[in-house]
PDB file of N, CA and C in Angstrom:
ATOM      1  N   MET A   1       0.839  -1.189   0.000  1.00  0.00           N
ATOM      2  CA  MET A   1       0.000   0.000   0.000  1.00  0.00           C
ATOM      3  C   MET A   1       0.877   1.244   0.000  1.00  0.00           C
ATOM      4  N   THR A   2       0.623   2.137  -0.940  1.00  0.00           N
ATOM      5  CA  THR A   2       1.428   3.353  -1.010  1.00  0.00           C
ATOM      6  C   THR A   2       0.952   4.369   0.002  1.00  0.00           C
ATOM      7  N   GLU A   3       1.760   5.357   0.272  1.00  0.00           N
ATOM      8  CA  GLU A   3       1.385   6.396   1.221  1.00  0.00           C
ATOM      9  C   GLU A   3       0.639   7.548   0.554  1.00  0.00           C
ATOM     10  N   TRP A   4       0.434   7.439  -0.765  1.00  0.00           N
ATOM     11  CA  TRP A   4      -0.236   8.495  -1.516  1.00  0.00           C
ATOM     12  C   TRP A   4      -1.428   7.938  -2.284  1.00  0.00           C
ATOM     13  N   THR A   5      -2.455   8.770  -2.434  1.00  0.00           N
ATOM     14  CA  THR A   5      -3.545   8.510  -3.347  1.00  0.00           C
ATOM     15  C   THR A   5      -3.332   9.464  -4.510  1.00  0.00           C
ATOM     16  N   SER A   6      -3.303   8.940  -5.728  1.00  0.00           N
ATOM     17  CA  SER A   6      -2.976   9.761  -6.891  1.00  0.00           C
ATOM     18  C   SER A   6      -4.150   9.861  -7.845  1.00  0.00           C
ATOM     19  N   PHE A   7      -4.284  11.037  -8.456  1.00  0.00           N
ATOM     20  CA  PHE A   7      -5.351  11.317  -9.402  1.00  0.00           C
ATOM     21  C   PHE A   7      -4.751  11.961 -10.645  1.00  0.00           C
ATOM     22  N   ASP A   8      -5.303  11.629 -11.804  1.00  0.00           N
ATOM     23  CA  ASP A   8      -4.905  12.246 -13.060  1.00  0.00           C
ATOM     24  C   ASP A   8      -6.182  12.732 -13.723  1.00  0.00           C
ATOM     25  N   VAL A   9      -6.355  14.054 -13.784  1.00  0.00           N
ATOM     26  CA  VAL A   9      -7.583  14.643 -14.295  1.00  0.00           C
ATOM     27  C   VAL A   9      -7.414  14.946 -15.789  1.00  0.00           C
ATOM     28  N   HIS A  10      -7.869  14.017 -16.611  1.00  0.00           N
ATOM     29  CA  HIS A  10      -7.851  14.155 -18.070  1.00  0.00           C
ATOM     30  C   HIS A  10      -6.465  14.479 -18.618  1.00  0.00           C
ATOM     31  N   GLY A  11      -5.413  14.095 -17.926  1.00  0.00           N
ATOM     32  CA  GLY A  11      -4.065  14.390 -18.386  1.00  0.00           C
ATOM     33  C   GLY A  11      -3.676  15.849 -18.272  1.00  0.00           C
ATOM     34  N   LEU A  12      -4.542  16.666 -17.673  1.00  0.00           N
ATOM     35  CA  LEU A  12      -4.282  18.100 -17.559  1.00  0.00           C
ATOM     36  C   LEU A  12      -3.648  18.484 -16.235  1.00  0.00           C
ATOM     37  N   VAL A  13      -4.070  17.826 -15.174  1.00  0.00           N
ATOM     38  CA  VAL A  13      -3.527  18.119 -13.842  1.00  0.00           C
ATOM     39  C   VAL A  13      -3.464  16.815 -13.060  1.00  0.00           C
ATOM     40  N   SER A  14      -2.389  16.657 -12.330  1.00  0.00           N
ATOM     41  CA  SER A  14      -2.273  15.477 -11.478  1.00  0.00           C
ATOM     42  C   SER A  14      -2.230  15.934 -10.030  1.00  0.00           C
ATOM     43  N   VAL A  15      -2.865  15.150  -9.188  1.00  0.00           N
ATOM     44  CA  VAL A  15      -3.001  15.476  -7.771  1.00  0.00           C
ATOM     45  C   VAL A  15      -2.508  14.289  -6.970  1.00  0.00           C
ATOM     46  N   GLN A  16      -1.709  14.567  -5.964  1.00  0.00           N
ATOM     47  CA  GLN A  16      -1.213  13.523  -5.074  1.00  0.00           C
ATOM     48  C   GLN A  16      -1.618  13.917  -3.653  1.00  0.00           C
ATOM     49  N   VAL A  17      -2.330  13.016  -2.970  1.00  0.00           N
ATOM     50  CA  VAL A  17      -2.856  13.302  -1.636  1.00  0.00           C
ATOM     51  C   VAL A  17      -2.270  12.295  -0.650  1.00  0.00           C
ATOM     52  N   SER A  18      -1.677  12.814   0.417  1.00  0.00           N
ATOM     53  CA  SER A  18      -1.152  11.934   1.453  1.00  0.00           C
ATOM     54  C   SER A  18      -2.311  11.198   2.102  1.00  0.00           C
ATOM     55  N   ARG A  19      -2.153   9.906   2.299  1.00  0.00           N
ATOM     56  CA  ARG A  19      -3.217   9.135   2.961  1.00  0.00           C
ATOM     57  C   ARG A  19      -3.386   9.541   4.408  1.00  0.00           C
ATOM     58  N   ALA A  20      -2.394  10.247   4.965  1.00  0.00           N
ATOM     59  CA  ALA A  20      -2.490  10.737   6.340  1.00  0.00           C
ATOM     60  C   ALA A  20      -3.158  12.114   6.424  1.00  0.00           C
ATOM     61  N   ALA A  21      -3.428  12.728   5.281  1.00  0.00           N
ATOM     62  CA  ALA A  21      -4.039  14.063   5.267  1.00  0.00           C
ATOM     63  C   ALA A  21      -5.496  13.979   5.702  1.00  0.00           C
ATOM     64  N   PRO A  22      -5.933  14.909   6.538  1.00  0.00           N
ATOM     65  CA  PRO A  22      -7.339  14.908   6.955  1.00  0.00           C
ATOM     66  C   PRO A  22      -8.323  15.004   5.775  1.00  0.00           C
ATOM     67  N   ALA A  23      -7.901  15.632   4.691  1.00  0.00           N
ATOM     68  CA  ALA A  23      -8.783  15.821   3.534  1.00  0.00           C
ATOM     69  C   ALA A  23      -8.806  14.619   2.600  1.00  0.00           C
ATOM     70  N   GLU A  24      -7.988  13.603   2.823  1.00  0.00           N
ATOM     71  CA  GLU A  24      -7.870  12.474   1.888  1.00  0.00           C
ATOM     72  C   GLU A  24      -9.195  11.753   1.637  1.00  0.00           C
ATOM     73  N   PRO A  25      -9.983  11.408   2.643  1.00  0.00           N
ATOM     74  CA  PRO A  25     -11.251  10.707   2.351  1.00  0.00           C
ATOM     75  C   PRO A  25     -12.194  11.537   1.482  1.00  0.00           C
ATOM     76  N   GLN A  26     -12.276  12.830   1.735  1.00  0.00           N
ATOM     77  CA  GLN A  26     -13.175  13.678   0.953  1.00  0.00           C
ATOM     78  C   GLN A  26     -12.650  13.860  -0.469  1.00  0.00           C
ATOM     79  N   LEU A  27     -11.336  14.079  -0.622  1.00  0.00           N
ATOM     80  CA  LEU A  27     -10.780  14.220  -1.962  1.00  0.00           C
ATOM     81  C   LEU A  27     -10.891  12.914  -2.753  1.00  0.00           C
ATOM     82  N   ARG A  28     -10.721  11.794  -2.083  1.00  0.00           N
ATOM     83  CA  ARG A  28     -10.869  10.497  -2.761  1.00  0.00           C
ATOM     84  C   ARG A  28     -12.300  10.338  -3.275  1.00  0.00           C
ATOM     85  N   LEU A  29     -13.281  10.763  -2.504  1.00  0.00           N
ATOM     86  CA  LEU A  29     -14.676  10.699  -2.931  1.00  0.00           C
ATOM     87  C   LEU A  29     -14.939  11.667  -4.089  1.00  0.00           C
ATOM     88  N   MET A  30     -14.449  12.901  -3.962  1.00  0.00           N
ATOM     89  CA  MET A  30     -14.691  13.924  -4.982  1.00  0.00           C
ATOM     90  C   MET A  30     -14.006  13.601  -6.312  1.00  0.00           C
ATOM     91  N   LEU A  31     -12.813  13.013  -6.243  1.00  0.00           N
ATOM     92  CA  LEU A  31     -12.019  12.756  -7.445  1.00  0.00           C
ATOM     93  C   LEU A  31     -11.978  11.276  -7.825  1.00  0.00           C
ATOM     94  N   ALA A  32     -12.937  10.506  -7.349  1.00  0.00           N
ATOM     95  CA  ALA A  32     -12.921   9.049  -7.528  1.00  0.00           C
ATOM     96  C   ALA A  32     -12.760   8.614  -8.981  1.00  0.00           C
ATOM     97  N   LEU A  33     -13.390   9.304  -9.898  1.00  0.00           N
ATOM     98  CA  LEU A  33     -13.312   8.912 -11.308  1.00  0.00           C
ATOM     99  C   LEU A  33     -11.918   9.108 -11.893  1.00  0.00           C
ATOM    100  N   PHE A  34     -11.078   9.890 -11.230  1.00  0.00           N
ATOM    101  CA  PHE A  34      -9.752  10.203 -11.749  1.00  0.00           C
ATOM    102  C   PHE A  34      -8.631   9.494 -10.994  1.00  0.00           C
ATOM    103  N   GLU A  35      -8.988   8.631 -10.022  1.00  0.00           N
ATOM    104  CA  GLU A  35      -7.961   7.944  -9.242  1.00  0.00           C
ATOM    105  C   GLU A  35      -7.209   6.955 -10.116  1.00  0.00           C
ATOM    106  N   VAL A  36      -5.899   6.960  -9.970  1.00  0.00           N
ATOM    107  CA  VAL A  36      -5.056   6.008 -10.700  1.00  0.00           C
ATOM    108  C   VAL A  36      -4.410   5.079  -9.686  1.00  0.00           C
ATOM    109  N   GLY A  37      -4.188   3.859 -10.081  1.00  0.00           N
ATOM    110  CA  GLY A  37      -3.676   2.849  -9.166  1.00  0.00           C
ATOM    111  C   GLY A  37      -2.166   2.811  -9.061  1.00  0.00           C
ATOM    112  N   ARG A  38      -1.533   3.920  -9.335  1.00  0.00           N
ATOM    113  CA  ARG A  38      -0.073   3.963  -9.235  1.00  0.00           C
ATOM    114  C   ARG A  38       0.334   5.256  -8.538  1.00  0.00           C
ATOM    115  N   SER A  39       1.520   5.273  -7.992  1.00  0.00           N
ATOM    116  CA  SER A  39       1.980   6.459  -7.272  1.00  0.00           C
ATOM    117  C   SER A  39       3.100   7.177  -8.003  1.00  0.00           C
ATOM    118  N   ASP A  40       3.363   6.793  -9.268  1.00  0.00           N
ATOM    119  CA  ASP A  40       4.448   7.436 -10.013  1.00  0.00           C
ATOM    120  C   ASP A  40       3.982   8.669 -10.779  1.00  0.00           C
ATOM    121  N   VAL A  41       2.801   9.180 -10.467  1.00  0.00           N
ATOM    122  CA  VAL A  41       2.272  10.384 -11.094  1.00  0.00           C
ATOM    123  C   VAL A  41       3.096  11.572 -10.622  1.00  0.00           C
ATOM    124  N   THR A  42       3.516  12.425 -11.558  1.00  0.00           N
ATOM    125  CA  THR A  42       4.221  13.651 -11.178  1.00  0.00           C
ATOM    126  C   THR A  42       3.165  14.679 -10.801  1.00  0.00           C
ATOM    127  N   PRO A  43       3.072  15.026  -9.525  1.00  0.00           N
ATOM    128  CA  PRO A  43       1.975  15.889  -9.097  1.00  0.00           C
ATOM    129  C   PRO A  43       2.164  17.349  -9.480  1.00  0.00           C
ATOM    130  N   VAL A  44       1.065  17.993  -9.834  1.00  0.00           N
ATOM    131  CA  VAL A  44       1.022  19.437  -9.988  1.00  0.00           C
ATOM    132  C   VAL A  44       0.507  20.024  -8.679  1.00  0.00           C
ATOM    133  N   VAL A  45      -0.380  19.277  -8.017  1.00  0.00           N
ATOM    134  CA  VAL A  45      -0.919  19.668  -6.713  1.00  0.00           C
ATOM    135  C   VAL A  45      -0.636  18.538  -5.737  1.00  0.00           C
ATOM    136  N   THR A  46      -0.077  18.880  -4.586  1.00  0.00           N
ATOM    137  CA  THR A  46       0.184  17.902  -3.535  1.00  0.00           C
ATOM    138  C   THR A  46      -0.558  18.337  -2.288  1.00  0.00           C
ATOM    139  N   VAL A  47      -1.288  17.409  -1.670  1.00  0.00           N
ATOM    140  CA  VAL A  47      -2.043  17.688  -0.454  1.00  0.00           C
ATOM    141  C   VAL A  47      -1.463  16.826   0.658  1.00  0.00           C
ATOM    142  N   THR A  48      -1.035  17.478   1.732  1.00  0.00           N
ATOM    143  CA  THR A  48      -0.541  16.750   2.901  1.00  0.00           C
ATOM    144  C   THR A  48      -1.293  17.236   4.126  1.00  0.00           C
ATOM    145  N   GLY A  49      -1.044  16.626   5.250  1.00  0.00           N
ATOM    146  CA  GLY A  49      -1.634  17.069   6.504  1.00  0.00           C
ATOM    147  C   GLY A  49      -0.703  17.968   7.286  1.00  0.00           C
ATOM    148  N   ARG A  50       0.422  18.345   6.671  1.00  0.00           N
ATOM    149  CA  ARG A  50       1.448  19.135   7.339  1.00  0.00           C
ATOM    150  C   ARG A  50       1.236  20.623   7.056  1.00  0.00           C
ATOM    151  N   PRO A  51       1.044  21.427   8.086  1.00  0.00           N
ATOM    152  CA  PRO A  51       0.894  22.867   7.850  1.00  0.00           C
ATOM    153  C   PRO A  51       2.213  23.485   7.388  1.00  0.00           C
ATOM    154  N   VAL A  52       2.108  24.484   6.545  1.00  0.00           N
ATOM    155  CA  VAL A  52       3.270  25.194   6.030  1.00  0.00           C
ATOM    156  C   VAL A  52       3.135  26.652   6.412  1.00  0.00           C
ATOM    157  N   SER A  53       4.176  27.230   6.969  1.00  0.00           N
ATOM    158  CA  SER A  53       4.159  28.649   7.327  1.00  0.00           C
ATOM    159  C   SER A  53       4.750  29.464   6.184  1.00  0.00           C
ATOM    160  N   PRO A  54       3.989  30.385   5.637  1.00  0.00           N
ATOM    161  CA  PRO A  54       4.508  31.196   4.538  1.00  0.00           C
ATOM    162  C   PRO A  54       5.539  32.210   5.037  1.00  0.00           C
ATOM    163  N   ALA A  55       6.563  32.442   4.232  1.00  0.00           N
ATOM    164  CA  ALA A  55       7.600  33.414   4.601  1.00  0.00           C
ATOM    165  C   ALA A  55       7.062  34.833   4.466  1.00  0.00           C
ATOM    166  N   ALA A  56       6.454  35.130   3.347  1.00  0.00           N
ATOM    167  CA  ALA A  56       5.902  36.463   3.105  1.00  0.00           C
ATOM    168  C   ALA A  56       4.600  36.280   2.345  1.00  0.00           C
ATOM    169  N   ALA A  57       3.505  36.325   3.043  1.00  0.00           N
ATOM    170  CA  ALA A  57       2.217  36.040   2.423  1.00  0.00           C
ATOM    171  C   ALA A  57       1.385  37.298   2.288  1.00  0.00           C
ATOM    172  N   ALA A  58       0.523  37.292   1.285  1.00  0.00           N
ATOM    173  CA  ALA A  58      -0.486  38.331   1.138  1.00  0.00           C
ATOM    174  C   ALA A  58      -1.778  37.776   1.729  1.00  0.00           C
ATOM    175  N   TYR A  59      -2.650  38.644   2.142  1.00  0.00           N
ATOM    176  CA  TYR A  59      -3.886  38.210   2.783  1.00  0.00           C
ATOM    177  C   TYR A  59      -5.095  38.635   1.962  1.00  0.00           C
ATOM    178  N   ALA A  60      -6.060  37.750   1.862  1.00  0.00           N
ATOM    179  CA  ALA A  60      -7.333  38.031   1.204  1.00  0.00           C
ATOM    180  C   ALA A  60      -8.377  38.110   2.308  1.00  0.00           C
ATOM    181  N   GLU A  61      -8.500  39.301   2.852  1.00  0.00           N
ATOM    182  CA  GLU A  61      -9.342  39.533   4.017  1.00  0.00           C
ATOM    183  C   GLU A  61      -8.949  38.519   5.093  1.00  0.00           C
ATOM    184  N   THR A  62      -9.872  37.759   5.615  1.00  0.00           N
ATOM    185  CA  THR A  62      -9.514  36.760   6.624  1.00  0.00           C
ATOM    186  C   THR A  62      -9.714  35.341   6.102  1.00  0.00           C
ATOM    187  N   ALA A  63     -10.086  35.211   4.830  1.00  0.00           N
ATOM    188  CA  ALA A  63     -10.420  33.898   4.287  1.00  0.00           C
ATOM    189  C   ALA A  63      -9.193  33.027   4.027  1.00  0.00           C
ATOM    190  N   TYR A  64      -8.118  33.604   3.500  1.00  0.00           N
ATOM    191  CA  TYR A  64      -6.932  32.819   3.183  1.00  0.00           C
ATOM    192  C   TYR A  64      -5.727  33.732   2.982  1.00  0.00           C
ATOM    193  N   ARG A  65      -4.537  33.111   2.960  1.00  0.00           N
ATOM    194  CA  ARG A  65      -3.290  33.804   2.647  1.00  0.00           C
ATOM    195  C   ARG A  65      -2.687  33.122   1.436  1.00  0.00           C
ATOM    196  N   TYR A  66      -1.877  33.843   0.697  1.00  0.00           N
ATOM    197  CA  TYR A  66      -1.203  33.215  -0.441  1.00  0.00           C
ATOM    198  C   TYR A  66       0.168  33.844  -0.639  1.00  0.00           C
ATOM    199  N   ASP A  67       1.058  33.054  -1.244  1.00  0.00           N
ATOM    200  CA  ASP A  67       2.369  33.557  -1.640  1.00  0.00           C
ATOM    201  C   ASP A  67       2.673  32.996  -3.021  1.00  0.00           C
ATOM    202  N   THR A  68       3.917  32.979  -3.435  1.00  0.00           N
ATOM    203  CA  THR A  68       4.236  32.607  -4.819  1.00  0.00           C
ATOM    204  C   THR A  68       3.899  31.169  -5.189  1.00  0.00           C
ATOM    205  N   GLY A  69       3.845  30.257  -4.230  1.00  0.00           N
ATOM    206  CA  GLY A  69       3.575  28.871  -4.580  1.00  0.00           C
ATOM    207  C   GLY A  69       2.503  28.198  -3.762  1.00  0.00           C
ATOM    208  N   ASP A  70       1.924  28.903  -2.792  1.00  0.00           N
ATOM    209  CA  ASP A  70       0.990  28.273  -1.862  1.00  0.00           C
ATOM    210  C   ASP A  70      -0.251  29.122  -1.651  1.00  0.00           C
ATOM    211  N   VAL A  71      -1.345  28.439  -1.359  1.00  0.00           N
ATOM    212  CA  VAL A  71      -2.553  29.080  -0.852  1.00  0.00           C
ATOM    213  C   VAL A  71      -2.793  28.463   0.520  1.00  0.00           C
ATOM    214  N   HIS A  72      -2.894  29.294   1.546  1.00  0.00           N
ATOM    215  CA  HIS A  72      -3.044  28.835   2.922  1.00  0.00           C
ATOM    216  C   HIS A  72      -4.472  29.115   3.385  1.00  0.00           C
ATOM    217  N   LEU A  73      -5.246  28.039   3.503  1.00  0.00           N
ATOM    218  CA  LEU A  73      -6.613  28.118   4.002  1.00  0.00           C
ATOM    219  C   LEU A  73      -6.590  27.776   5.482  1.00  0.00           C
ATOM    220  N   PRO A  74      -7.599  28.109   6.238  1.00  0.00           N
ATOM    221  CA  PRO A  74      -7.593  27.766   7.664  1.00  0.00           C
ATOM    222  C   PRO A  74      -7.466  26.266   7.921  1.00  0.00           C
ATOM    223  N   TRP A  75      -7.920  25.432   6.993  1.00  0.00           N
ATOM    224  CA  TRP A  75      -7.928  23.980   7.196  1.00  0.00           C
ATOM    225  C   TRP A  75      -6.933  23.236   6.304  1.00  0.00           C
ATOM    226  N   ALA A  76      -6.245  23.924   5.399  1.00  0.00           N
ATOM    227  CA  ALA A  76      -5.329  23.233   4.480  1.00  0.00           C
ATOM    228  C   ALA A  76      -4.372  24.221   3.836  1.00  0.00           C
ATOM    229  N   THR A  77      -3.257  23.695   3.358  1.00  0.00           N
ATOM    230  CA  THR A  77      -2.321  24.456   2.539  1.00  0.00           C
ATOM    231  C   THR A  77      -2.229  23.762   1.188  1.00  0.00           C
ATOM    232  N   VAL A  78      -2.434  24.502   0.125  1.00  0.00           N
ATOM    233  CA  VAL A  78      -2.328  23.966  -1.222  1.00  0.00           C
ATOM    234  C   VAL A  78      -1.026  24.498  -1.812  1.00  0.00           C
ATOM    235  N   THR A  79      -0.150  23.571  -2.221  1.00  0.00           N
ATOM    236  CA  THR A  79       1.159  23.935  -2.741  1.00  0.00           C
ATOM    237  C   THR A  79       1.275  23.513  -4.198  1.00  0.00           C
ATOM    238  N   ARG A  80       1.696  24.417  -5.041  1.00  0.00           N
ATOM    239  CA  ARG A  80       1.946  24.095  -6.448  1.00  0.00           C
ATOM    240  C   ARG A  80       3.296  23.398  -6.525  1.00  0.00           C
ATOM    241  N   THR A  81       3.303  22.186  -7.056  1.00  0.00           N
ATOM    242  CA  THR A  81       4.535  21.411  -7.088  1.00  0.00           C
ATOM    243  C   THR A  81       5.035  21.141  -8.492  1.00  0.00           C
ATOM    244  N   GLY A  82       4.268  21.492  -9.502  1.00  0.00           N
ATOM    245  CA  GLY A  82       4.682  21.216 -10.871  1.00  0.00           C
ATOM    246  C   GLY A  82       4.421  22.407 -11.755  1.00  0.00           C
ATOM    247  N   HIS A  83       4.418  22.176 -13.055  1.00  0.00           N
ATOM    248  CA  HIS A  83       4.147  23.239 -14.017  1.00  0.00           C
ATOM    249  C   HIS A  83       2.681  23.211 -14.367  1.00  0.00           C
ATOM    250  N   GLY A  84       2.105  24.372 -14.529  1.00  0.00           N
ATOM    251  CA  GLY A  84       0.709  24.405 -14.933  1.00  0.00           C
ATOM    252  C   GLY A  84      -0.050  25.486 -14.248  1.00  0.00           C
TER     253      GLY A  84
END
């Protein structure tokens, strides 16, 4: 069993979700049609359960923060890991 759940959305974007991430069950349900049975997908989006502190972030009111590669939501951090 791999430590990642991988998705390939029409060959346009690939998503890799840590099985330890709190959002993994919901993302697996939402993206079920795009799940691939291998973990060698090069992710464009990676979801983990590990919070990331931005060095210099901009704020969008109180809803979220963002910097050059990340969007920081109160419940998750979305990090761009590939091209696209």
